[in-house]
Protein backbone atom coordinates (compact mmCIF):
# COMPACT_ATOMS: atom_id res chain seq x y z
CA MET A 1 164.91 -10.16 -102.15
CA LYS A 2 161.23 -9.23 -102.33
CA LYS A 3 161.92 -6.03 -100.41
CA ILE A 4 164.64 -5.06 -102.86
CA LEU A 5 162.35 -5.66 -105.84
CA MET A 6 159.58 -3.64 -104.19
CA ILE A 7 161.97 -0.76 -103.53
CA VAL A 8 163.27 -0.82 -107.13
CA ALA A 9 159.70 -0.87 -108.45
CA LEU A 10 158.74 2.06 -106.21
CA ILE A 11 161.76 4.09 -107.32
CA ALA A 12 161.06 3.37 -111.00
CA THR A 13 157.41 4.38 -110.61
CA THR A 14 158.40 7.58 -108.82
CA GLN A 15 160.91 8.49 -111.55
CA ILE A 16 158.34 7.91 -114.31
CA THR A 17 155.75 10.02 -112.48
CA PHE A 18 158.29 12.80 -111.90
CA ALA A 19 159.31 12.79 -115.59
CA GLN A 20 155.70 12.90 -116.73
CA ASN A 21 154.96 15.78 -114.33
CA LYS A 22 157.97 17.64 -115.74
CA ALA A 23 156.56 17.19 -119.25
CA LYS A 24 153.12 18.35 -118.07
CA VAL A 25 154.63 21.54 -116.62
CA ALA A 26 156.54 22.17 -119.86
CA LEU A 27 153.38 21.62 -121.94
CA ASN A 28 151.53 24.12 -119.76
CA ASP A 29 154.35 26.59 -120.41
CA VAL A 30 153.75 26.06 -124.15
CA LEU A 31 150.04 26.71 -123.61
CA SER A 32 150.77 29.91 -121.70
CA ALA A 33 153.08 31.15 -124.47
CA TYR A 34 150.40 30.23 -127.04
CA TYR A 35 147.91 32.44 -125.15
CA ASP A 36 150.37 35.35 -125.33
CA VAL A 37 150.53 35.03 -129.12
CA LYS A 38 146.74 34.67 -129.35
CA ASN A 39 146.25 37.77 -127.21
CA ALA A 40 148.65 39.81 -129.36
CA LEU A 41 146.80 38.82 -132.53
CA ALA A 42 143.39 39.43 -130.94
CA THR A 43 144.48 42.99 -130.10
CA ASP A 44 146.00 43.62 -133.56
CA LYS A 45 149.59 43.76 -132.29
CA ASN A 46 151.49 42.12 -135.12
CA GLU A 47 154.94 43.16 -133.89
CA GLU A 48 154.16 41.84 -130.41
CA ALA A 49 152.94 38.57 -131.97
CA ALA A 50 156.26 38.26 -133.81
CA GLU A 51 158.11 38.70 -130.50
CA LYS A 52 155.82 36.44 -128.45
CA ILE A 53 156.10 33.64 -130.99
CA LYS A 54 159.83 33.43 -130.23
CA VAL A 55 159.01 32.61 -126.61
CA PHE A 56 156.47 30.06 -127.86
CA GLN A 57 159.14 28.44 -130.05
CA ALA A 58 161.53 28.19 -127.12
CA LYS A 59 158.83 26.61 -124.94
CA VAL A 60 158.02 24.05 -127.65
CA ASP A 61 161.72 23.18 -127.93
CA ALA A 62 161.97 22.83 -124.13
CA VAL A 63 159.34 20.10 -123.79
CA PRO A 64 161.03 16.90 -122.54
CA HIS A 65 159.12 14.85 -125.10
CA GLU A 66 161.20 11.73 -124.52
CA THR A 67 159.48 11.36 -121.13
CA LEU A 68 155.99 11.21 -122.66
CA PRO A 69 154.24 7.86 -123.03
CA SER A 70 154.71 6.35 -126.50
CA ALA A 71 151.43 7.44 -128.13
CA GLN A 72 151.70 10.95 -126.70
CA HIS A 73 155.33 11.17 -127.77
CA THR A 74 154.43 10.28 -131.36
CA LEU A 75 151.60 12.83 -131.37
CA TRP A 76 153.84 15.52 -129.86
CA MET A 77 156.56 14.94 -132.45
CA GLU A 78 154.02 15.33 -135.29
CA GLN A 79 152.22 18.35 -133.88
CA SER A 80 155.31 20.17 -132.58
CA LYS A 81 156.76 19.98 -136.10
CA ILE A 82 153.68 21.84 -137.38
CA MET A 83 153.87 24.35 -134.51
CA LYS A 84 157.54 25.09 -135.19
CA SER A 85 156.98 25.52 -138.92
CA LYS A 86 154.03 27.89 -138.46
CA ALA A 87 155.84 29.77 -135.68
CA LYS A 88 158.73 30.49 -138.06
CA GLU A 89 156.21 31.96 -140.52
CA ILE A 90 154.79 34.27 -137.84
CA ALA A 91 158.23 35.38 -136.68
CA ALA A 92 159.30 36.14 -140.25
CA SER A 93 156.24 38.26 -141.07
CA THR A 94 154.91 41.63 -139.99
CA ASP A 95 151.74 41.23 -142.03
CA ILE A 96 149.01 40.47 -139.52
CA LYS A 97 146.87 38.63 -142.08
CA SER A 98 149.59 36.12 -142.83
CA GLN A 99 150.45 35.85 -139.13
CA ARG A 100 146.83 35.00 -138.40
CA LYS A 101 146.77 32.38 -141.13
CA SER A 102 149.90 30.75 -139.70
CA PHE A 103 148.42 30.94 -136.21
CA GLU A 104 145.52 28.83 -137.46
CA GLY A 105 147.93 25.93 -138.07
CA ILE A 106 149.42 26.32 -134.59
CA SER A 107 145.94 26.41 -133.08
CA TYR A 108 144.85 23.17 -134.70
CA ALA A 109 148.07 21.45 -133.62
CA MET A 110 147.60 22.75 -130.05
CA ILE A 111 143.95 21.68 -129.96
CA LYS A 112 144.81 18.20 -131.19
CA THR A 113 147.65 17.87 -128.67
CA LEU A 114 145.59 19.14 -125.75
CA LYS A 115 142.64 16.87 -126.48
CA ALA A 116 144.89 13.82 -126.74
CA THR A 117 147.13 14.48 -123.74
CA LYS A 118 144.85 16.41 -121.34
CA PHE A 119 147.89 18.21 -119.90
CA ASN A 120 146.15 21.46 -119.00
CA GLN A 121 146.17 22.56 -115.38
CA GLY A 122 143.44 25.17 -115.85
CA THR A 123 140.21 25.18 -117.84
CA VAL A 124 140.74 25.74 -121.55
CA TYR A 125 138.06 26.92 -123.96
CA VAL A 126 138.12 25.78 -127.57
CA GLN A 127 136.55 28.68 -129.43
CA HIS A 128 135.40 28.82 -133.03
CA CYS A 129 134.74 31.68 -135.43
CA PRO A 130 132.34 30.76 -138.24
CA MET A 131 133.48 33.76 -140.29
CA ALA A 132 137.13 32.68 -140.19
CA LYS A 133 136.15 29.00 -140.27
CA ALA A 134 138.84 28.48 -137.65
CA SER A 135 139.22 27.56 -134.00
CA TRP A 136 141.66 28.49 -131.24
CA LEU A 137 142.29 27.95 -127.53
CA ASN A 138 141.46 30.58 -124.94
CA GLU A 139 142.16 30.81 -121.24
CA LYS A 140 138.96 32.84 -120.81
CA GLU A 141 135.39 31.89 -121.60
CA ASN A 142 134.78 35.29 -123.22
CA VAL A 143 135.60 35.13 -126.92
CA GLU A 144 138.72 37.02 -128.04
CA ASN A 145 139.06 36.41 -131.74
CA PRO A 146 142.69 36.27 -132.93
CA TYR A 147 141.66 35.93 -136.59
CA TYR A 148 139.81 39.25 -136.88
CA GLY A 149 141.07 41.23 -133.89
CA SER A 150 139.35 44.57 -133.31
CA MET A 151 137.23 44.16 -136.46
CA MET A 152 135.25 41.35 -134.80
CA PHE A 153 136.88 40.89 -131.39
CA ASP A 154 134.03 38.89 -129.88
CA CYS A 155 132.96 36.98 -133.00
CA GLY A 156 132.77 33.31 -132.24
CA GLU A 157 131.57 30.88 -129.64
CA VAL A 158 132.85 28.37 -127.15
CA ALA A 159 132.79 25.06 -129.00
CA GLU A 160 134.22 22.96 -126.17
CA THR A 161 135.44 23.27 -122.60
CA ILE A 162 138.40 21.18 -121.46
CA LYS A 163 138.65 21.07 -117.68
CA GLY A 164 142.07 21.19 -116.06
CA LYS A 165 143.64 18.23 -114.30
């Protein structure tokens, strides 16, 4: 009887770990798609940003959020709602100023989610532009400002480094 209980416990633990790893992979896919949108805005490519945001939306929708632990699930549900709303604004606009303003909301939701869940596989840099009074995530330590693009491409600083797991 004890052997059976041990085996059931082992299987349950393995399934939970597998589900959480699946969510972690999906969240990293969201982060990668976020970087694509950030890079389009940083290089003043508003039409590309509108296209890349569609991939971002699909990645957000694909996160198996029901497998996240309770507190992370609640946070994801709140923040993904913001991400989806702001992503729709970017997709519906070709005006880079309004796209950048909407991206600010996505960035804060992503920063909050990343800090709370620590899902990142690689190092992530939280960067801040004092001129825009806004922050964003970057896969590179060198600043690439999505809020001003070519006008002030390297304006900002690394405010925080989040090491990958």
